[in-house]
Amino acid sequence: MNITVGKIGAAVTGLAVLSFAISMIFGLFTDTIFISCLASIFIAIGFIPFMVSLFTVNDDMDKRSVGLTGIAFAVVYAVIIFLVYFAECTTVRLNTGLSDEALSIISYGYIGSLFFNYDLLGYGFMGLSTFLIGFTVKADDRASKALRLLLLIHGIFFLSCLIVPMFPVFKAGTSSVPGTILLETWCAYFLPVCILGYKYFSRKKAQFDNA
């Protein structure tokens, strides 16, 4: 059951990341923020079972505290992301009479807004989660070693997402192109994590079936 949940989590996360990447490209030419936000919600929905399953199929008492801490940070990430993107899909999108002052606080679409910074903080916790969960992955072959390495390196996003809002690189009025490039780069990085994760669970199932 753990493996099935893990495969579903990895698949949902991967498809959501791909949808987000496509929506961001089209977003350069038309308004796709609703689709981008909806895709981001599903990234969070898939991410928790993905990380929990990576931990449970490699349940090692010596690394139990590390794995549980990683899961806790995954939950923090998901809560922040749900709040940011659900607000964007509902309150911000449906209340067309909101003033620019209100939008500059609660709209993810406003660079430097409160919710924009919350979004960065959320993805920072995502990076911290993958970093810790990476230590629990048993690297038995090249593919699992690659998965483990990608999870660990992804932890870099914690520091960058934590520091950037304090010393804003992107300010209101900044072109959306640099931000889109950064997000597409992240998608190109994290999509292989999801693919490797899905294959990792498939190999684990084969091992258990042959045991």
N, C-alpha and C. Protein backbone atom coordinates (compact mmCIF):
# COMPACT_ATOMS: atom_id res chain seq x y z
N MET A 1 0.83 -1.20 0.00
CA MET A 1 0.00 0.00 0.00
C MET A 1 0.86 1.26 0.00
N ASN A 2 1.96 1.24 0.79
CA ASN A 2 2.87 2.40 0.83
C ASN A 2 3.42 2.72 -0.56
N ILE A 3 3.76 1.65 -1.29
CA ILE A 3 4.34 1.83 -2.62
C ILE A 3 3.30 2.41 -3.60
N THR A 4 2.07 1.91 -3.52
CA THR A 4 1.01 2.41 -4.39
C THR A 4 0.74 3.89 -4.13
N VAL A 5 0.67 4.26 -2.86
CA VAL A 5 0.46 5.67 -2.49
C VAL A 5 1.62 6.52 -2.98
N GLY A 6 2.83 5.99 -2.85
CA GLY A 6 4.02 6.72 -3.31
C GLY A 6 4.01 6.95 -4.81
N LYS A 7 3.62 5.92 -5.57
CA LYS A 7 3.57 6.05 -7.02
C LYS A 7 2.52 7.07 -7.44
N ILE A 8 1.37 7.03 -6.77
CA ILE A 8 0.32 8.00 -7.07
C ILE A 8 0.79 9.41 -6.74
N GLY A 9 1.44 9.57 -5.58
CA GLY A 9 1.95 10.87 -5.17
C GLY A 9 2.98 11.41 -6.14
N ALA A 10 3.91 10.55 -6.57
CA ALA A 10 4.95 10.97 -7.52
C ALA A 10 4.33 11.35 -8.86
N ALA A 11 3.32 10.56 -9.31
CA ALA A 11 2.67 10.82 -10.59
C ALA A 11 1.88 12.13 -10.55
N VAL A 12 1.12 12.35 -9.47
CA VAL A 12 0.34 13.58 -9.34
C VAL A 12 1.26 14.79 -9.31
N THR A 13 2.33 14.68 -8.53
CA THR A 13 3.28 15.79 -8.44
C THR A 13 3.92 16.08 -9.79
N GLY A 14 4.36 15.03 -10.47
CA GLY A 14 5.01 15.19 -11.76
C GLY A 14 4.09 15.81 -12.80
N LEU A 15 2.85 15.33 -12.87
CA LEU A 15 1.88 15.89 -13.84
C LEU A 15 1.55 17.34 -13.51
N ALA A 16 1.46 17.64 -12.22
CA ALA A 16 1.16 19.02 -11.80
C ALA A 16 2.33 19.95 -12.13
N VAL A 17 3.56 19.47 -11.93
CA VAL A 17 4.75 20.27 -12.28
C VAL A 17 4.77 20.54 -13.78
N LEU A 18 4.47 19.51 -14.57
CA LEU A 18 4.44 19.67 -16.03
C LEU A 18 3.35 20.66 -16.45
N SER A 19 2.18 20.56 -15.82
CA SER A 19 1.08 21.50 -16.12
C SER A 19 1.47 22.92 -15.75
N PHE A 20 2.13 23.05 -14.62
CA PHE A 20 2.58 24.38 -14.17
C PHE A 20 3.58 24.96 -15.17
N ALA A 21 4.51 24.14 -15.63
CA ALA A 21 5.52 24.61 -16.58
C ALA A 21 4.87 25.08 -17.88
N ILE A 22 3.91 24.33 -18.38
CA ILE A 22 3.22 24.69 -19.62
C ILE A 22 2.42 25.98 -19.43
N SER A 23 1.74 26.09 -18.29
CA SER A 23 0.92 27.28 -18.04
C SER A 23 1.78 28.54 -17.93
N MET A 24 2.99 28.39 -17.37
CA MET A 24 3.88 29.54 -17.24
C MET A 24 4.37 30.02 -18.61
N ILE A 25 4.60 29.10 -19.52
CA ILE A 25 5.02 29.47 -20.87
C ILE A 25 3.90 30.25 -21.57
N PHE A 26 2.68 29.71 -21.50
CA PHE A 26 1.54 30.40 -22.11
C PHE A 26 1.25 31.71 -21.38
N GLY A 27 1.66 31.78 -20.10
CA GLY A 27 1.43 32.98 -19.31
C GLY A 27 2.20 34.19 -19.82
N LEU A 28 3.20 33.96 -20.65
CA LEU A 28 3.94 35.08 -21.24
C LEU A 28 3.09 35.82 -22.29
N PHE A 29 2.05 35.14 -22.77
CA PHE A 29 1.24 35.71 -23.84
C PHE A 29 -0.21 35.98 -23.42
N THR A 30 -0.68 35.29 -22.39
CA THR A 30 -2.05 35.48 -21.93
C THR A 30 -2.12 35.20 -20.44
N ASP A 31 -3.25 35.50 -19.81
CA ASP A 31 -3.41 35.33 -18.37
C ASP A 31 -3.71 33.87 -18.04
N THR A 32 -2.74 33.18 -17.45
CA THR A 32 -2.93 31.78 -17.07
C THR A 32 -2.70 31.58 -15.59
N ILE A 33 -2.82 32.65 -14.80
CA ILE A 33 -2.48 32.56 -13.38
C ILE A 33 -3.39 31.57 -12.64
N PHE A 34 -4.67 31.48 -13.05
CA PHE A 34 -5.58 30.53 -12.41
C PHE A 34 -5.09 29.09 -12.62
N ILE A 35 -4.71 28.77 -13.85
CA ILE A 35 -4.22 27.42 -14.15
C ILE A 35 -2.92 27.15 -13.40
N SER A 36 -2.04 28.14 -13.35
CA SER A 36 -0.76 27.98 -12.64
C SER A 36 -0.99 27.72 -11.16
N CYS A 37 -1.92 28.46 -10.57
CA CYS A 37 -2.21 28.30 -9.15
C CYS A 37 -2.86 26.96 -8.86
N LEU A 38 -3.77 26.54 -9.74
CA LEU A 38 -4.43 25.25 -9.57
C LEU A 38 -3.43 24.11 -9.67
N ALA A 39 -2.51 24.23 -10.62
CA ALA A 39 -1.47 23.21 -10.77
C ALA A 39 -0.59 23.16 -9.53
N SER A 40 -0.29 24.33 -8.95
CA SER A 40 0.55 24.39 -7.75
C SER A 40 -0.13 23.73 -6.56
N ILE A 41 -1.45 23.85 -6.48
CA ILE A 41 -2.20 23.18 -5.41
C ILE A 41 -2.01 21.68 -5.53
N PHE A 42 -2.07 21.16 -6.75
CA PHE A 42 -1.93 19.71 -6.95
C PHE A 42 -0.48 19.25 -6.76
N ILE A 43 0.48 20.14 -6.96
CA ILE A 43 1.87 19.79 -6.62
C ILE A 43 1.95 19.48 -5.13
N ALA A 44 1.32 20.33 -4.33
CA ALA A 44 1.32 20.13 -2.87
C ALA A 44 0.55 18.88 -2.48
N ILE A 45 -0.59 18.63 -3.16
CA ILE A 45 -1.40 17.45 -2.85
C ILE A 45 -0.61 16.17 -3.11
N GLY A 46 0.14 16.13 -4.20
CA GLY A 46 0.93 14.94 -4.51
C GLY A 46 2.20 14.84 -3.71
N PHE A 47 2.76 16.00 -3.32
CA PHE A 47 4.07 16.02 -2.67
C PHE A 47 4.06 15.31 -1.32
N ILE A 48 3.02 15.51 -0.52
CA ILE A 48 3.00 14.90 0.82
C ILE A 48 3.01 13.37 0.75
N PRO A 49 2.10 12.72 0.00
CA PRO A 49 2.19 11.25 -0.08
C PRO A 49 3.49 10.77 -0.73
N PHE A 50 4.04 11.57 -1.63
CA PHE A 50 5.31 11.24 -2.27
C PHE A 50 6.41 11.16 -1.22
N MET A 51 6.54 12.20 -0.40
CA MET A 51 7.59 12.25 0.61
C MET A 51 7.35 11.24 1.73
N VAL A 52 6.10 11.12 2.17
CA VAL A 52 5.77 10.17 3.24
C VAL A 52 6.11 8.75 2.81
N SER A 53 5.81 8.42 1.56
CA SER A 53 6.06 7.07 1.06
C SER A 53 7.55 6.80 0.90
N LEU A 54 8.32 7.80 0.47
CA LEU A 54 9.78 7.63 0.40
C LEU A 54 10.34 7.29 1.77
N PHE A 55 9.78 7.93 2.80
CA PHE A 55 10.24 7.66 4.16
C PHE A 55 9.81 6.28 4.64
N THR A 56 8.54 5.93 4.42
CA THR A 56 8.02 4.68 4.98
C THR A 56 8.59 3.43 4.31
N VAL A 57 8.89 3.49 3.01
CA VAL A 57 9.45 2.29 2.35
C VAL A 57 10.92 2.10 2.71
N ASN A 58 11.51 3.12 3.34
CA ASN A 58 12.90 3.02 3.78
C ASN A 58 12.99 3.23 5.29
N ASP A 59 12.01 2.68 6.00
CA ASP A 59 11.93 2.92 7.45
C ASP A 59 13.17 2.38 8.16
N ASP A 60 14.02 3.30 8.57
CA ASP A 60 15.27 2.97 9.25
C ASP A 60 15.26 3.71 10.59
N MET A 61 15.35 2.97 11.69
CA MET A 61 15.26 3.58 13.01
C MET A 61 16.34 4.64 13.22
N ASP A 62 17.52 4.44 12.62
CA ASP A 62 18.60 5.42 12.77
C ASP A 62 18.28 6.75 12.08
N LYS A 63 17.39 6.70 11.09
CA LYS A 63 17.06 7.90 10.33
C LYS A 63 15.60 8.33 10.52
N ARG A 64 14.96 7.74 11.51
CA ARG A 64 13.54 7.99 11.71
C ARG A 64 13.25 9.46 12.04
N SER A 65 14.06 10.04 12.92
CA SER A 65 13.83 11.43 13.31
C SER A 65 14.05 12.38 12.14
N VAL A 66 15.04 12.06 11.29
CA VAL A 66 15.30 12.89 10.11
C VAL A 66 14.11 12.83 9.15
N GLY A 67 13.60 11.63 8.92
CA GLY A 67 12.47 11.46 8.01
C GLY A 67 11.21 12.13 8.52
N LEU A 68 10.92 11.97 9.80
CA LEU A 68 9.71 12.58 10.37
C LEU A 68 9.81 14.11 10.35
N THR A 69 11.01 14.63 10.55
CA THR A 69 11.20 16.08 10.47
C THR A 69 10.97 16.55 9.04
N GLY A 70 11.44 15.78 8.08
CA GLY A 70 11.22 16.11 6.68
C GLY A 70 9.73 16.12 6.33
N ILE A 71 8.99 15.17 6.86
CA ILE A 71 7.55 15.12 6.62
C ILE A 71 6.86 16.32 7.26
N ALA A 72 7.31 16.70 8.46
CA ALA A 72 6.72 17.86 9.14
C ALA A 72 6.90 19.13 8.29
N PHE A 73 8.08 19.29 7.73
CA PHE A 73 8.33 20.45 6.87
C PHE A 73 7.51 20.37 5.58
N ALA A 74 7.25 19.16 5.09
CA ALA A 74 6.41 18.99 3.91
C ALA A 74 4.99 19.48 4.19
N VAL A 75 4.51 19.21 5.39
CA VAL A 75 3.18 19.66 5.79
C VAL A 75 3.14 21.18 5.90
N VAL A 76 4.20 21.77 6.46
CA VAL A 76 4.27 23.23 6.56
C VAL A 76 4.22 23.84 5.16
N TYR A 77 4.99 23.27 4.24
CA TYR A 77 4.98 23.73 2.85
C TYR A 77 3.59 23.67 2.26
N ALA A 78 2.92 22.53 2.43
CA ALA A 78 1.60 22.34 1.83
C ALA A 78 0.58 23.33 2.39
N VAL A 79 0.60 23.56 3.70
CA VAL A 79 -0.36 24.49 4.31
C VAL A 79 -0.18 25.90 3.74
N ILE A 80 1.06 26.35 3.65
CA ILE A 80 1.33 27.69 3.11
C ILE A 80 0.87 27.79 1.66
N ILE A 81 1.19 26.77 0.87
CA ILE A 81 0.84 26.76 -0.55
C ILE A 81 -0.67 26.74 -0.75
N PHE A 82 -1.37 25.92 0.05
CA PHE A 82 -2.83 25.88 -0.04
C PHE A 82 -3.44 27.25 0.23
N LEU A 83 -2.94 27.93 1.25
CA LEU A 83 -3.47 29.24 1.61
C LEU A 83 -3.23 30.27 0.50
N VAL A 84 -2.00 30.28 -0.03
CA VAL A 84 -1.64 31.26 -1.05
C VAL A 84 -2.44 31.05 -2.34
N TYR A 85 -2.44 29.83 -2.84
CA TYR A 85 -3.05 29.59 -4.15
C TYR A 85 -4.56 29.47 -4.09
N PHE A 86 -5.10 29.00 -2.96
CA PHE A 86 -6.55 28.95 -2.85
C PHE A 86 -7.11 30.37 -2.77
N ALA A 87 -6.40 31.25 -2.08
CA ALA A 87 -6.81 32.65 -2.02
C ALA A 87 -6.78 33.27 -3.42
N GLU A 88 -5.76 32.92 -4.20
CA GLU A 88 -5.64 33.47 -5.56
C GLU A 88 -6.76 32.95 -6.46
N CYS A 89 -7.11 31.67 -6.31
CA CYS A 89 -8.13 31.07 -7.16
C CYS A 89 -9.55 31.50 -6.77
N THR A 90 -9.72 31.98 -5.56
CA THR A 90 -11.06 32.34 -5.09
C THR A 90 -11.19 33.84 -4.83
N THR A 91 -10.71 34.31 -3.69
CA THR A 91 -10.90 35.70 -3.28
C THR A 91 -10.36 36.69 -4.30
N VAL A 92 -9.13 36.48 -4.75
CA VAL A 92 -8.51 37.43 -5.67
C VAL A 92 -9.16 37.36 -7.05
N ARG A 93 -9.40 36.16 -7.54
CA ARG A 93 -9.93 36.00 -8.91
C ARG A 93 -11.39 36.44 -9.01
N LEU A 94 -12.18 36.17 -7.99
CA LEU A 94 -13.62 36.40 -8.07
C LEU A 94 -14.04 37.80 -7.62
N ASN A 95 -13.17 38.48 -6.86
CA ASN A 95 -13.49 39.84 -6.42
C ASN A 95 -12.78 40.85 -7.31
N THR A 96 -13.43 41.16 -8.41
CA THR A 96 -12.81 42.05 -9.39
C THR A 96 -12.72 43.50 -8.92
N GLY A 97 -13.40 43.81 -7.82
CA GLY A 97 -13.39 45.19 -7.33
C GLY A 97 -12.29 45.48 -6.33
N LEU A 98 -11.42 44.51 -6.09
CA LEU A 98 -10.34 44.73 -5.13
C LEU A 98 -9.41 45.84 -5.62
N SER A 99 -9.01 46.70 -4.70
CA SER A 99 -8.13 47.81 -5.06
C SER A 99 -6.70 47.31 -5.28
N ASP A 100 -5.90 48.14 -5.94
CA ASP A 100 -4.50 47.78 -6.16
C ASP A 100 -3.78 47.62 -4.82
N GLU A 101 -4.19 48.41 -3.84
CA GLU A 101 -3.56 48.32 -2.52
C GLU A 101 -3.84 46.96 -1.88
N ALA A 102 -5.08 46.49 -2.00
CA ALA A 102 -5.42 45.17 -1.45
C ALA A 102 -4.70 44.07 -2.21
N LEU A 103 -4.69 44.18 -3.54
CA LEU A 103 -4.02 43.18 -4.36
C LEU A 103 -2.52 43.12 -4.09
N SER A 104 -1.93 44.27 -3.77
CA SER A 104 -0.49 44.31 -3.50
C SER A 104 -0.13 43.57 -2.22
N ILE A 105 -1.14 43.17 -1.46
CA ILE A 105 -0.91 42.40 -0.23
C ILE A 105 -1.26 40.93 -0.42
N ILE A 106 -2.47 40.66 -0.98
CA ILE A 106 -2.96 39.28 -1.00
C ILE A 106 -2.83 38.58 -2.34
N SER A 107 -2.39 39.27 -3.38
CA SER A 107 -2.31 38.62 -4.69
C SER A 107 -0.91 38.06 -4.94
N TYR A 108 -0.87 36.78 -5.22
CA TYR A 108 0.39 36.13 -5.59
C TYR A 108 0.96 36.75 -6.87
N GLY A 109 0.06 37.26 -7.72
CA GLY A 109 0.48 37.83 -9.00
C GLY A 109 1.24 39.14 -8.87
N TYR A 110 1.20 39.77 -7.69
CA TYR A 110 1.95 41.01 -7.46
C TYR A 110 3.32 40.67 -6.87
N ILE A 111 4.36 40.94 -7.63
CA ILE A 111 5.72 40.65 -7.16
C ILE A 111 6.01 41.46 -5.91
N GLY A 112 6.47 40.79 -4.87
CA GLY A 112 6.79 41.45 -3.61
C GLY A 112 5.64 41.57 -2.64
N SER A 113 4.44 41.06 -3.04
CA SER A 113 3.30 41.11 -2.13
C SER A 113 3.51 40.14 -0.97
N LEU A 114 2.67 40.27 0.06
CA LEU A 114 2.78 39.38 1.22
C LEU A 114 2.62 37.92 0.80
N PHE A 115 1.62 37.65 -0.03
CA PHE A 115 1.38 36.27 -0.44
C PHE A 115 2.44 35.77 -1.41
N PHE A 116 3.03 36.66 -2.18
CA PHE A 116 4.15 36.28 -3.05
C PHE A 116 5.33 35.80 -2.19
N ASN A 117 5.58 36.55 -1.11
CA ASN A 117 6.67 36.17 -0.20
C ASN A 117 6.33 34.90 0.58
N TYR A 118 5.05 34.74 0.94
CA TYR A 118 4.63 33.49 1.59
C TYR A 118 4.87 32.31 0.66
N ASP A 119 4.61 32.52 -0.62
CA ASP A 119 4.81 31.46 -1.60
C ASP A 119 6.27 31.03 -1.64
N LEU A 120 7.17 32.01 -1.66
CA LEU A 120 8.60 31.68 -1.63
C LEU A 120 8.97 30.93 -0.35
N LEU A 121 8.41 31.36 0.77
CA LEU A 121 8.67 30.69 2.05
C LEU A 121 8.20 29.24 1.99
N GLY A 122 7.02 29.03 1.40
CA GLY A 122 6.49 27.68 1.29
C GLY A 122 7.42 26.77 0.50
N TYR A 123 7.91 27.28 -0.63
CA TYR A 123 8.82 26.46 -1.44
C TYR A 123 10.18 26.28 -0.76
N GLY A 124 10.51 27.21 0.13
CA GLY A 124 11.71 27.02 0.93
C GLY A 124 11.57 25.80 1.83
N PHE A 125 10.40 25.67 2.46
CA PHE A 125 10.15 24.51 3.31
C PHE A 125 10.07 23.23 2.49
N MET A 126 9.63 23.35 1.24
CA MET A 126 9.64 22.18 0.35
C MET A 126 11.07 21.69 0.15
N GLY A 127 11.99 22.65 -0.09
CA GLY A 127 13.39 22.29 -0.27
C GLY A 127 13.98 21.65 0.98
N LEU A 128 13.61 22.18 2.13
CA LEU A 128 14.10 21.62 3.39
C LEU A 128 13.57 20.20 3.59
N SER A 129 12.32 20.00 3.18
CA SER A 129 11.72 18.67 3.29
C SER A 129 12.44 17.65 2.42
N THR A 130 12.67 17.99 1.15
CA THR A 130 13.34 17.04 0.25
C THR A 130 14.76 16.76 0.72
N PHE A 131 15.42 17.78 1.25
CA PHE A 131 16.78 17.60 1.75
C PHE A 131 16.82 16.55 2.86
N LEU A 132 15.89 16.63 3.80
CA LEU A 132 15.87 15.69 4.91
C LEU A 132 15.41 14.30 4.47
N ILE A 133 14.39 14.25 3.63
CA ILE A 133 13.90 12.96 3.14
C ILE A 133 14.97 12.26 2.31
N GLY A 134 15.80 13.06 1.63
CA GLY A 134 16.88 12.47 0.81
C GLY A 134 17.79 11.57 1.62
N PHE A 135 18.00 11.90 2.89
CA PHE A 135 18.86 11.08 3.75
C PHE A 135 18.26 9.71 4.04
N THR A 136 16.95 9.58 3.88
CA THR A 136 16.29 8.31 4.20
C THR A 136 16.23 7.36 3.01
N VAL A 137 16.54 7.88 1.81
CA VAL A 137 16.47 7.05 0.60
C VAL A 137 17.68 6.13 0.53
N LYS A 138 17.42 4.83 0.40
CA LYS A 138 18.51 3.87 0.28
C LYS A 138 18.95 3.79 -1.18
N ALA A 139 20.17 4.22 -1.43
CA ALA A 139 20.69 4.28 -2.80
C ALA A 139 21.33 2.94 -3.15
N ASP A 140 20.54 2.06 -3.75
CA ASP A 140 21.01 0.71 -4.10
C ASP A 140 21.51 0.61 -5.53
N ASP A 141 21.17 1.58 -6.37
CA ASP A 141 21.61 1.55 -7.76
C ASP A 141 21.79 2.98 -8.26
N ARG A 142 22.14 3.13 -9.53
CA ARG A 142 22.43 4.46 -10.06
C ARG A 142 21.20 5.36 -10.04
N ALA A 143 20.05 4.79 -10.37
CA ALA A 143 18.82 5.59 -10.41
C ALA A 143 18.45 6.11 -9.02
N SER A 144 18.54 5.25 -8.01
CA SER A 144 18.20 5.67 -6.66
C SER A 144 19.25 6.64 -6.11
N LYS A 145 20.49 6.47 -6.53
CA LYS A 145 21.53 7.43 -6.13
C LYS A 145 21.25 8.80 -6.74
N ALA A 146 20.79 8.80 -7.99
CA ALA A 146 20.45 10.07 -8.65
C ALA A 146 19.27 10.73 -7.95
N LEU A 147 18.26 9.94 -7.58
CA LEU A 147 17.10 10.46 -6.85
C LEU A 147 17.53 11.07 -5.53
N ARG A 148 18.35 10.35 -4.81
CA ARG A 148 18.82 10.83 -3.51
C ARG A 148 19.60 12.13 -3.65
N LEU A 149 20.46 12.21 -4.65
CA LEU A 149 21.28 13.40 -4.87
C LEU A 149 20.40 14.60 -5.24
N LEU A 150 19.43 14.39 -6.12
CA LEU A 150 18.54 15.48 -6.53
C LEU A 150 17.72 16.00 -5.36
N LEU A 151 17.28 15.09 -4.49
CA LEU A 151 16.52 15.50 -3.31
C LEU A 151 17.38 16.33 -2.37
N LEU A 152 18.63 15.91 -2.19
CA LEU A 152 19.54 16.63 -1.29
C LEU A 152 19.88 18.02 -1.85
N ILE A 153 20.21 18.06 -3.13
CA ILE A 153 20.59 19.35 -3.75
C ILE A 153 19.41 20.32 -3.74
N HIS A 154 18.21 19.79 -3.87
CA HIS A 154 17.01 20.63 -3.87
C HIS A 154 16.89 21.42 -2.57
N GLY A 155 17.57 20.98 -1.54
CA GLY A 155 17.55 21.69 -0.26
C GLY A 155 18.11 23.10 -0.36
N ILE A 156 18.86 23.38 -1.42
CA ILE A 156 19.41 24.73 -1.62
C ILE A 156 18.29 25.76 -1.69
N PHE A 157 17.13 25.33 -2.17
CA PHE A 157 16.01 26.26 -2.32
C PHE A 157 15.55 26.82 -0.97
N PHE A 158 15.83 26.12 0.11
CA PHE A 158 15.42 26.63 1.42
C PHE A 158 16.09 27.97 1.71
N LEU A 159 17.40 28.01 1.56
CA LEU A 159 18.13 29.25 1.87
C LEU A 159 17.78 30.36 0.89
N SER A 160 17.72 30.03 -0.40
CA SER A 160 17.44 31.06 -1.40
C SER A 160 16.03 31.63 -1.23
N CYS A 161 15.05 30.77 -0.98
CA CYS A 161 13.66 31.24 -0.81
C CYS A 161 13.47 31.99 0.50
N LEU A 162 14.30 31.70 1.48
CA LEU A 162 14.21 32.39 2.76
C LEU A 162 14.84 33.78 2.68
N ILE A 163 15.94 33.89 1.95
CA ILE A 163 16.71 35.14 1.92
C ILE A 163 16.20 36.12 0.88
N VAL A 164 15.79 35.63 -0.30
CA VAL A 164 15.39 36.52 -1.40
C VAL A 164 14.32 37.54 -1.00
N PRO A 165 13.24 37.13 -0.30
CA PRO A 165 12.23 38.13 0.07
C PRO A 165 12.77 39.23 0.99
N MET A 166 13.81 38.94 1.76
CA MET A 166 14.37 39.92 2.68
C MET A 166 15.22 40.96 1.94
N PHE A 167 15.79 40.54 0.82
CA PHE A 167 16.58 41.44 -0.01
C PHE A 167 16.05 41.31 -1.44
N PRO A 168 14.87 41.88 -1.69
CA PRO A 168 14.12 41.60 -2.93
C PRO A 168 14.90 41.84 -4.21
N VAL A 169 15.02 40.76 -4.96
CA VAL A 169 15.64 40.83 -6.29
C VAL A 169 14.61 41.30 -7.30
N PHE A 170 13.36 40.80 -7.12
CA PHE A 170 12.28 41.17 -8.02
C PHE A 170 11.36 42.15 -7.31
N LYS A 171 11.11 43.27 -7.92
CA LYS A 171 10.25 44.30 -7.35
C LYS A 171 9.06 44.52 -8.25
N ALA A 172 8.06 45.22 -7.72
CA ALA A 172 6.87 45.52 -8.51
C ALA A 172 7.27 46.21 -9.81
N GLY A 173 6.71 45.74 -10.90
CA GLY A 173 7.02 46.33 -12.20
C GLY A 173 8.12 45.58 -12.93
N THR A 174 8.76 44.63 -12.25
CA THR A 174 9.79 43.83 -12.89
C THR A 174 9.18 42.96 -13.98
N SER A 175 9.88 42.80 -15.09
CA SER A 175 9.39 41.96 -16.17
C SER A 175 9.15 40.54 -15.67
N SER A 176 8.11 39.89 -16.20
CA SER A 176 7.78 38.52 -15.78
C SER A 176 8.70 37.49 -16.41
N VAL A 177 9.48 37.88 -17.41
CA VAL A 177 10.32 36.92 -18.13
C VAL A 177 11.38 36.28 -17.23
N PRO A 178 12.16 37.06 -16.44
CA PRO A 178 13.16 36.42 -15.56
C PRO A 178 12.53 35.45 -14.58
N GLY A 179 11.38 35.83 -14.00
CA GLY A 179 10.70 34.94 -13.07
C GLY A 179 10.23 33.67 -13.73
N THR A 180 9.73 33.80 -14.95
CA THR A 180 9.27 32.63 -15.70
C THR A 180 10.44 31.68 -15.99
N ILE A 181 11.58 32.25 -16.35
CA ILE A 181 12.77 31.43 -16.64
C ILE A 181 13.19 30.66 -15.40
N LEU A 182 13.18 31.33 -14.24
CA LEU A 182 13.55 30.67 -12.98
C LEU A 182 12.58 29.53 -12.65
N LEU A 183 11.29 29.79 -12.83
CA LEU A 183 10.29 28.77 -12.53
C LEU A 183 10.38 27.60 -13.50
N GLU A 184 10.65 27.88 -14.76
CA GLU A 184 10.82 26.80 -15.74
C GLU A 184 12.06 25.97 -15.41
N THR A 185 13.10 26.64 -14.93
CA THR A 185 14.31 25.92 -14.52
C THR A 185 14.01 24.99 -13.37
N TRP A 186 13.21 25.49 -12.39
CA TRP A 186 12.83 24.64 -11.26
C TRP A 186 12.02 23.44 -11.74
N CYS A 187 11.07 23.67 -12.64
CA CYS A 187 10.25 22.58 -13.18
C CYS A 187 11.13 21.53 -13.87
N ALA A 188 12.10 22.01 -14.66
CA ALA A 188 13.01 21.10 -15.36
C ALA A 188 13.84 20.29 -14.38
N TYR A 189 14.09 20.86 -13.20
CA TYR A 189 14.85 20.15 -12.16
C TYR A 189 13.98 19.15 -11.43
N PHE A 190 12.77 19.57 -11.04
CA PHE A 190 11.97 18.73 -10.15
C PHE A 190 11.19 17.64 -10.88
N LEU A 191 10.90 17.83 -12.16
CA LEU A 191 10.19 16.78 -12.90
C LEU A 191 10.96 15.46 -12.90
N PRO A 192 12.29 15.47 -13.12
CA PRO A 192 13.05 14.21 -13.03
C PRO A 192 12.98 13.58 -11.64
N VAL A 193 12.85 14.40 -10.59
CA VAL A 193 12.70 13.87 -9.24
C VAL A 193 11.43 13.02 -9.17
N CYS A 194 10.36 13.51 -9.74
CA CYS A 194 9.10 12.78 -9.73
C CYS A 194 9.18 11.50 -10.56
N ILE A 195 9.83 11.58 -11.71
CA ILE A 195 9.98 10.40 -12.57
C ILE A 195 10.84 9.35 -11.90
N LEU A 196 11.97 9.78 -11.34
CA LEU A 196 12.84 8.84 -10.63
C LEU A 196 12.15 8.26 -9.41
N GLY A 197 11.35 9.09 -8.74
CA GLY A 197 10.61 8.62 -7.58
C GLY A 197 9.60 7.54 -7.96
N TYR A 198 8.88 7.76 -9.05
CA TYR A 198 7.91 6.77 -9.51
C TYR A 198 8.61 5.45 -9.84
N LYS A 199 9.73 5.54 -10.54
CA LYS A 199 10.48 4.33 -10.89
C LYS A 199 11.07 3.67 -9.65
N TYR A 200 11.44 4.48 -8.67
CA TYR A 200 11.99 3.96 -7.41
C TYR A 200 10.96 3.08 -6.70
N PHE A 201 9.70 3.55 -6.66
CA PHE A 201 8.65 2.76 -6.03
C PHE A 201 8.36 1.49 -6.82
N SER A 202 8.47 1.57 -8.14
CA SER A 202 8.26 0.38 -8.98
C SER A 202 9.31 -0.68 -8.68
N ARG A 203 10.56 -0.25 -8.51
CA ARG A 203 11.62 -1.20 -8.18
C ARG A 203 11.42 -1.78 -6.79
N LYS A 204 10.98 -0.95 -5.86
CA LYS A 204 10.72 -1.44 -4.51
C LYS A 204 9.63 -2.51 -4.51
N LYS A 205 8.59 -2.31 -5.33
CA LYS A 205 7.52 -3.28 -5.42
C LYS A 205 8.03 -4.60 -5.97
N ALA A 206 8.89 -4.52 -6.98
CA ALA A 206 9.48 -5.72 -7.57
C ALA A 206 10.33 -6.47 -6.54
N GLN A 207 11.07 -5.73 -5.73
CA GLN A 207 11.89 -6.35 -4.69
C GLN A 207 11.03 -7.05 -3.65
N PHE A 208 9.93 -6.41 -3.25
CA PHE A 208 9.06 -7.01 -2.26
C PHE A 208 8.33 -8.24 -2.81
N ASP A 209 7.97 -8.17 -4.11
CA ASP A 209 7.28 -9.30 -4.72
C ASP A 209 8.19 -10.52 -4.85
N ASN A 210 9.50 -10.25 -5.04
CA ASN A 210 10.46 -11.36 -5.21
C ASN A 210 11.01 -11.87 -3.90
N ALA A 211 10.72 -11.12 -2.81
CA ALA A 211 11.27 -11.51 -1.50
C ALA A 211 10.57 -12.77 -0.96
